[in-house]
Amino acid sequence: MNLASFAELAVRLVNSRSCEPGADPLRSRETFSDFVADRPALAVPVTQHDLDRLGLLRDELASIFAAAAAGRADEAAGRLNALLTIHPMQPQLVAHDGEQWHVHLSDCGSATDRYAAMAVIGVTLLFSQLGAERLGTCAIASCDRVFIDGSSNRSRRYCADHSAARPNVTSIRPRRSGVSADPIATGATAVS
């Protein structure tokens, strides 16, 4: 079982709500199929009912990240437990392609069942092993994207879209205030 890969499904689904309405992967069966094209286990027929249920899952996962980021670990855990009840997993011990024995989730159920089982167990196990503080929401007020903090010092504050921008903002600030900044120390590059 690839725990990080499963938890990334939760992040991907939650963050899909912040895209343009015309780009929402839950707007049609075709767009959802494109959204999960890199996940063969999710390449199953999708119904409008699945898309509606995935929208509810997306909202619930967003609530879990928000609760964890706000320090409400008990609330996040309660919501995860509810999702584990609603979307039960069916793990199987398998060995294939010369690999050692490992756990897979059963390839049965609807697209929603499969997606939810993977995403929910991924977040649940990360939560239980690393702590609720590893689930975050972007610190930029206008951004509602989520992330999993994999940093060694638990210091991540920005989603993937904004994490690269933060050092650039920091490197620009000294120059605007009239202080000369060392471009090597700030990571800035010369522009001609």
C-alpha atoms as a PDB file:
ATOM      1  CA  MET A   1       0.000   0.000   0.000  1.00  0.00           C
ATOM      2  CA  ASN A   2       1.480   3.307  -1.019  1.00  0.00           C
ATOM      3  CA  LEU A   3       0.308   5.496   1.843  1.00  0.00           C
ATOM      4  CA  ALA A   4       1.556   8.809   0.442  1.00  0.00           C
ATOM      5  CA  SER A   5       0.034   8.049  -2.938  1.00  0.00           C
ATOM      6  CA  PHE A   6      -3.335   7.306  -1.350  1.00  0.00           C
ATOM      7  CA  ALA A   7      -3.262  10.438   0.812  1.00  0.00           C
ATOM      8  CA  GLU A   8      -2.355  12.465  -2.285  1.00  0.00           C
ATOM      9  CA  LEU A   9      -5.709  11.391  -3.755  1.00  0.00           C
ATOM     10  CA  ALA A  10      -7.424  13.258  -0.901  1.00  0.00           C
ATOM     11  CA  VAL A  11      -5.326  16.379  -1.508  1.00  0.00           C
ATOM     12  CA  ARG A  12      -5.952  16.179  -5.251  1.00  0.00           C
ATOM     13  CA  LEU A  13      -9.711  15.851  -4.802  1.00  0.00           C
ATOM     14  CA  VAL A  14     -10.005  18.687  -2.267  1.00  0.00           C
ATOM     15  CA  ASN A  15      -7.831  20.991  -4.348  1.00  0.00           C
ATOM     16  CA  SER A  16      -9.896  20.285  -7.459  1.00  0.00           C
ATOM     17  CA  ARG A  17     -12.683  22.426  -5.992  1.00  0.00           C
ATOM     18  CA  SER A  18     -10.562  25.561  -6.323  1.00  0.00           C
ATOM     19  CA  CYS A  19     -10.127  25.266 -10.074  1.00  0.00           C
ATOM     20  CA  GLU A  20     -12.214  27.192 -12.582  1.00  0.00           C
ATOM     21  CA  PRO A  21     -15.813  25.899 -12.758  1.00  0.00           C
ATOM     22  CA  GLY A  22     -15.232  24.723 -16.317  1.00  0.00           C
ATOM     23  CA  ALA A  23     -12.202  22.729 -15.171  1.00  0.00           C
ATOM     24  CA  ASP A  24     -13.831  20.911 -12.225  1.00  0.00           C
ATOM     25  CA  PRO A  25     -13.065  17.197 -12.723  1.00  0.00           C
ATOM     26  CA  LEU A  26     -16.431  16.324 -11.190  1.00  0.00           C
ATOM     27  CA  ARG A  27     -18.409  18.178 -13.878  1.00  0.00           C
ATOM     28  CA  SER A  28     -18.642  15.131 -16.172  1.00  0.00           C
ATOM     29  CA  ARG A  29     -17.773  11.468 -16.440  1.00  0.00           C
ATOM     30  CA  GLU A  30     -15.163  12.252 -19.069  1.00  0.00           C
ATOM     31  CA  THR A  31     -13.387  14.901 -17.015  1.00  0.00           C
ATOM     32  CA  PHE A  32     -13.306  12.595 -13.996  1.00  0.00           C
ATOM     33  CA  SER A  33     -11.843   9.799 -16.112  1.00  0.00           C
ATOM     34  CA  ASP A  34      -9.119  12.206 -17.241  1.00  0.00           C
ATOM     35  CA  PHE A  35      -8.571  13.274 -13.608  1.00  0.00           C
ATOM     36  CA  VAL A  36      -7.801   9.690 -12.527  1.00  0.00           C
ATOM     37  CA  ALA A  37      -6.150   8.477 -15.743  1.00  0.00           C
ATOM     38  CA  ASP A  38      -2.886   7.901 -13.854  1.00  0.00           C
ATOM     39  CA  ARG A  39      -4.657   5.513 -11.425  1.00  0.00           C
ATOM     40  CA  PRO A  40      -5.582   2.239 -13.166  1.00  0.00           C
ATOM     41  CA  ALA A  41      -7.564   1.018 -10.133  1.00  0.00           C
ATOM     42  CA  LEU A  42      -9.907   3.978 -10.639  1.00  0.00           C
ATOM     43  CA  ALA A  43     -10.439   3.359 -14.354  1.00  0.00           C
ATOM     44  CA  VAL A  44     -13.998   2.097 -13.931  1.00  0.00           C
ATOM     45  CA  PRO A  45     -17.310   3.337 -15.306  1.00  0.00           C
ATOM     46  CA  VAL A  46     -18.491   6.506 -13.541  1.00  0.00           C
ATOM     47  CA  THR A  47     -22.101   7.575 -13.092  1.00  0.00           C
ATOM     48  CA  GLN A  48     -23.555  10.981 -12.243  1.00  0.00           C
ATOM     49  CA  HIS A  49     -24.383   9.502  -8.837  1.00  0.00           C
ATOM     50  CA  ASP A  50     -20.654   8.751  -8.358  1.00  0.00           C
ATOM     51  CA  LEU A  51     -19.766  12.330  -9.263  1.00  0.00           C
ATOM     52  CA  ASP A  52     -22.314  13.673  -6.776  1.00  0.00           C
ATOM     53  CA  ARG A  53     -20.972  11.376  -4.023  1.00  0.00           C
ATOM     54  CA  LEU A  54     -17.397  12.389  -4.859  1.00  0.00           C
ATOM     55  CA  GLY A  55     -18.451  16.018  -4.437  1.00  0.00           C
ATOM     56  CA  LEU A  56     -19.723  15.203  -0.943  1.00  0.00           C
ATOM     57  CA  LEU A  57     -16.478  13.333  -0.203  1.00  0.00           C
ATOM     58  CA  ARG A  58     -14.497  16.343  -1.423  1.00  0.00           C
ATOM     59  CA  ASP A  59     -16.377  18.651   0.966  1.00  0.00           C
ATOM     60  CA  GLU A  60     -15.923  16.273   3.884  1.00  0.00           C
ATOM     61  CA  LEU A  61     -12.195  15.843   3.230  1.00  0.00           C
ATOM     62  CA  ALA A  62     -11.852  19.638   3.039  1.00  0.00           C
ATOM     63  CA  SER A  63     -13.537  19.866   6.454  1.00  0.00           C
ATOM     64  CA  ILE A  64     -11.062  17.352   7.857  1.00  0.00           C
ATOM     65  CA  PHE A  65      -8.067  19.329   6.597  1.00  0.00           C
ATOM     66  CA  ALA A  66      -9.577  22.576   7.931  1.00  0.00           C
ATOM     67  CA  ALA A  67     -10.242  21.057  11.362  1.00  0.00           C
ATOM     68  CA  ALA A  68      -6.736  19.585  11.582  1.00  0.00           C
ATOM     69  CA  ALA A  69      -5.111  22.846  10.451  1.00  0.00           C
ATOM     70  CA  ALA A  70      -7.105  24.753  13.074  1.00  0.00           C
ATOM     71  CA  GLY A  71      -5.875  22.429  15.832  1.00  0.00           C
ATOM     72  CA  ARG A  72      -9.185  20.590  16.196  1.00  0.00           C
ATOM     73  CA  ALA A  73      -7.707  17.074  16.000  1.00  0.00           C
ATOM     74  CA  ASP A  74     -10.672  15.461  17.781  1.00  0.00           C
ATOM     75  CA  GLU A  75     -13.080  16.852  15.196  1.00  0.00           C
ATOM     76  CA  ALA A  76     -10.841  15.737  12.306  1.00  0.00           C
ATOM     77  CA  ALA A  77     -10.535  12.246  13.819  1.00  0.00           C
ATOM     78  CA  GLY A  78     -14.301  12.000  14.296  1.00  0.00           C
ATOM     79  CA  ARG A  79     -14.895  12.967  10.672  1.00  0.00           C
ATOM     80  CA  LEU A  80     -12.292  10.444   9.489  1.00  0.00           C
ATOM     81  CA  ASN A  81     -13.949   7.727  11.572  1.00  0.00           C
ATOM     82  CA  ALA A  82     -17.304   8.567  10.002  1.00  0.00           C
ATOM     83  CA  LEU A  83     -15.800   8.304   6.510  1.00  0.00           C
ATOM     84  CA  LEU A  84     -14.192   4.961   7.405  1.00  0.00           C
ATOM     85  CA  THR A  85     -17.661   3.697   8.316  1.00  0.00           C
ATOM     86  CA  ILE A  86     -19.291   5.056   5.173  1.00  0.00           C
ATOM     87  CA  HIS A  87     -16.488   3.865   2.868  1.00  0.00           C
ATOM     88  CA  PRO A  88     -15.201   0.559   4.240  1.00  0.00           C
ATOM     89  CA  MET A  89     -11.990  -0.844   2.818  1.00  0.00           C
ATOM     90  CA  GLN A  90     -11.367  -4.352   1.655  1.00  0.00           C
ATOM     91  CA  PRO A  91      -7.615  -4.918   2.001  1.00  0.00           C
ATOM     92  CA  GLN A  92      -5.911  -7.893   0.381  1.00  0.00           C
ATOM     93  CA  LEU A  93      -2.414  -9.286   0.869  1.00  0.00           C
ATOM     94  CA  VAL A  94      -0.795  -9.774  -2.568  1.00  0.00           C
ATOM     95  CA  ALA A  95       2.541 -10.506  -4.219  1.00  0.00           C
ATOM     96  CA  HIS A  96       3.082  -9.787  -7.905  1.00  0.00           C
ATOM     97  CA  ASP A  97       5.715  -8.797 -10.430  1.00  0.00           C
ATOM     98  CA  GLY A  98       8.511 -10.098  -8.216  1.00  0.00           C
ATOM     99  CA  GLU A  99       7.579  -7.777  -5.346  1.00  0.00           C
ATOM    100  CA  GLN A 100       7.306  -8.894  -1.735  1.00  0.00           C
ATOM    101  CA  TRP A 101       3.952  -9.385  -0.064  1.00  0.00           C
ATOM    102  CA  HIS A 102       2.133  -6.109   0.389  1.00  0.00           C
ATOM    103  CA  VAL A 103      -1.368  -4.773   0.934  1.00  0.00           C
ATOM    104  CA  HIS A 104      -3.676  -3.667  -1.868  1.00  0.00           C
ATOM    105  CA  LEU A 105      -7.193  -2.398  -1.544  1.00  0.00           C
ATOM    106  CA  SER A 106      -9.671  -4.634  -3.289  1.00  0.00           C
ATOM    107  CA  ASP A 107     -10.533  -3.646  -6.846  1.00  0.00           C
ATOM    108  CA  CYS A 108     -14.283  -3.771  -6.307  1.00  0.00           C
ATOM    109  CA  GLY A 109     -17.072  -1.265  -5.910  1.00  0.00           C
ATOM    110  CA  SER A 110     -17.966   1.935  -7.678  1.00  0.00           C
ATOM    111  CA  ALA A 111     -15.536   4.689  -8.631  1.00  0.00           C
ATOM    112  CA  THR A 112     -16.600   6.545  -5.484  1.00  0.00           C
ATOM    113  CA  ASP A 113     -16.043   3.500  -3.285  1.00  0.00           C
ATOM    114  CA  ARG A 114     -12.572   2.935  -4.692  1.00  0.00           C
ATOM    115  CA  TYR A 115     -11.514   6.595  -4.597  1.00  0.00           C
ATOM    116  CA  ALA A 116     -12.873   7.087  -1.083  1.00  0.00           C
ATOM    117  CA  ALA A 117     -11.266   3.930   0.289  1.00  0.00           C
ATOM    118  CA  MET A 118      -7.841   4.953  -0.995  1.00  0.00           C
ATOM    119  CA  ALA A 119      -8.057   8.628  -0.031  1.00  0.00           C
ATOM    120  CA  VAL A 120      -9.605   8.085   3.393  1.00  0.00           C
ATOM    121  CA  ILE A 121      -7.230   5.318   4.487  1.00  0.00           C
ATOM    122  CA  GLY A 122      -4.244   7.326   3.252  1.00  0.00           C
ATOM    123  CA  VAL A 123      -5.228  10.395   5.283  1.00  0.00           C
ATOM    124  CA  THR A 124      -6.267   8.287   8.289  1.00  0.00           C
ATOM    125  CA  LEU A 125      -2.963   6.432   8.485  1.00  0.00           C
ATOM    126  CA  LEU A 126      -0.923   9.616   8.008  1.00  0.00           C
ATOM    127  CA  PHE A 127      -3.014  11.288  10.700  1.00  0.00           C
ATOM    128  CA  SER A 128      -2.469   8.386  13.109  1.00  0.00           C
ATOM    129  CA  GLN A 129       1.251   7.991  12.410  1.00  0.00           C
ATOM    130  CA  LEU A 130       2.392  11.600  11.959  1.00  0.00           C
ATOM    131  CA  GLY A 131      -0.259  13.679  13.713  1.00  0.00           C
ATOM    132  CA  ALA A 132      -3.082  16.006  12.752  1.00  0.00           C
ATOM    133  CA  GLU A 133      -0.711  18.954  12.378  1.00  0.00           C
ATOM    134  CA  ARG A 134       0.605  17.405   9.151  1.00  0.00           C
ATOM    135  CA  LEU A 135      -2.713  18.212   7.428  1.00  0.00           C
ATOM    136  CA  GLY A 136      -2.711  21.840   6.382  1.00  0.00           C
ATOM    137  CA  THR A 137      -4.526  24.548   4.507  1.00  0.00           C
ATOM    138  CA  CYS A 138      -2.701  27.257   2.580  1.00  0.00           C
ATOM    139  CA  ALA A 139      -1.786  30.295   4.709  1.00  0.00           C
ATOM    140  CA  ILE A 140      -2.686  32.676   1.886  1.00  0.00           C
ATOM    141  CA  ALA A 141      -6.120  34.034   2.822  1.00  0.00           C
ATOM    142  CA  SER A 142      -7.524  33.886  -0.700  1.00  0.00           C
ATOM    143  CA  CYS A 143      -6.454  30.246  -1.191  1.00  0.00           C
ATOM    144  CA  ASP A 144      -8.437  27.272   0.085  1.00  0.00           C
ATOM    145  CA  ARG A 145      -6.082  24.561  -1.188  1.00  0.00           C
ATOM    146  CA  VAL A 146      -4.801  21.871   1.184  1.00  0.00           C
ATOM    147  CA  PHE A 147      -1.528  19.987   1.583  1.00  0.00           C
ATOM    148  CA  ILE A 148       0.206  17.327   3.623  1.00  0.00           C
ATOM    149  CA  ASP A 149       3.232  18.718   5.444  1.00  0.00           C
ATOM    150  CA  GLY A 150       6.107  16.356   4.815  1.00  0.00           C
ATOM    151  CA  SER A 151       8.766  18.772   6.058  1.00  0.00           C
ATOM    152  CA  SER A 152      11.136  17.544   8.744  1.00  0.00           C
ATOM    153  CA  ASN A 153      10.305  20.449  11.063  1.00  0.00           C
ATOM    154  CA  ARG A 154       6.546  20.637  10.407  1.00  0.00           C
ATOM    155  CA  SER A 155       6.877  24.162   9.064  1.00  0.00           C
ATOM    156  CA  ARG A 156       4.990  24.069   5.777  1.00  0.00           C
ATOM    157  CA  ARG A 157       2.354  26.782   5.515  1.00  0.00           C
ATOM    158  CA  TYR A 158       1.565  27.023   1.810  1.00  0.00           C
ATOM    159  CA  CYS A 159      -0.011  24.788  -0.823  1.00  0.00           C
ATOM    160  CA  ALA A 160       2.028  23.572  -3.785  1.00  0.00           C
ATOM    161  CA  ASP A 161       0.801  26.470  -5.932  1.00  0.00           C
ATOM    162  CA  HIS A 162       2.106  29.063  -3.482  1.00  0.00           C
ATOM    163  CA  SER A 163       5.087  27.402  -1.838  1.00  0.00           C
ATOM    164  CA  ALA A 164       7.421  28.465  -4.664  1.00  0.00           C
ATOM    165  CA  ALA A 165       6.135  32.046  -4.516  1.00  0.00           C
ATOM    166  CA  ARG A 166       6.925  32.545  -0.815  1.00  0.00           C
ATOM    167  CA  PRO A 167      10.740  32.685  -1.208  1.00  0.00           C
ATOM    168  CA  ASN A 168      10.310  35.037  -4.175  1.00  0.00           C
ATOM    169  CA  VAL A 169       8.170  37.402  -2.110  1.00  0.00           C
ATOM    170  CA  THR A 170      10.748  37.258   0.671  1.00  0.00           C
ATOM    171  CA  SER A 171      13.583  38.022  -1.742  1.00  0.00           C
ATOM    172  CA  ILE A 172      11.761  41.021  -3.221  1.00  0.00           C
ATOM    173  CA  ARG A 173      10.852  42.661   0.090  1.00  0.00           C
ATOM    174  CA  PRO A 174      14.395  43.831   1.046  1.00  0.00           C
ATOM    175  CA  ARG A 175      14.837  45.600  -2.292  1.00  0.00           C
ATOM    176  CA  ARG A 176      11.533  47.425  -2.034  1.00  0.00           C
ATOM    177  CA  SER A 177      12.418  48.771   1.393  1.00  0.00           C
ATOM    178  CA  GLY A 178      15.657  50.183   0.030  1.00  0.00           C
ATOM    179  CA  VAL A 179      17.871  47.512   1.593  1.00  0.00           C
ATOM    180  CA  SER A 180      20.315  45.911  -0.785  1.00  0.00           C
ATOM    181  CA  ALA A 181      19.744  42.168  -0.868  1.00  0.00           C
ATOM    182  CA  ASP A 182      22.352  39.571  -1.714  1.00  0.00           C
ATOM    183  CA  PRO A 183      20.877  37.723  -4.723  1.00  0.00           C
ATOM    184  CA  ILE A 184      22.674  34.490  -3.820  1.00  0.00           C
ATOM    185  CA  ALA A 185      21.411  34.463  -0.248  1.00  0.00           C
ATOM    186  CA  THR A 186      17.836  35.289  -1.273  1.00  0.00           C
ATOM    187  CA  GLY A 187      17.692  33.051  -4.322  1.00  0.00           C
ATOM    188  CA  ALA A 188      16.928  36.027  -6.571  1.00  0.00           C
ATOM    189  CA  THR A 189      18.297  36.224 -10.061  1.00  0.00           C
ATOM    190  CA  ALA A 190      19.482  39.262 -11.942  1.00  0.00           C
ATOM    191  CA  VAL A 191      17.123  40.651 -14.531  1.00  0.00           C
ATOM    192  CA  SER A 192      18.403  42.838 -17.326  1.00  0.00           C
END
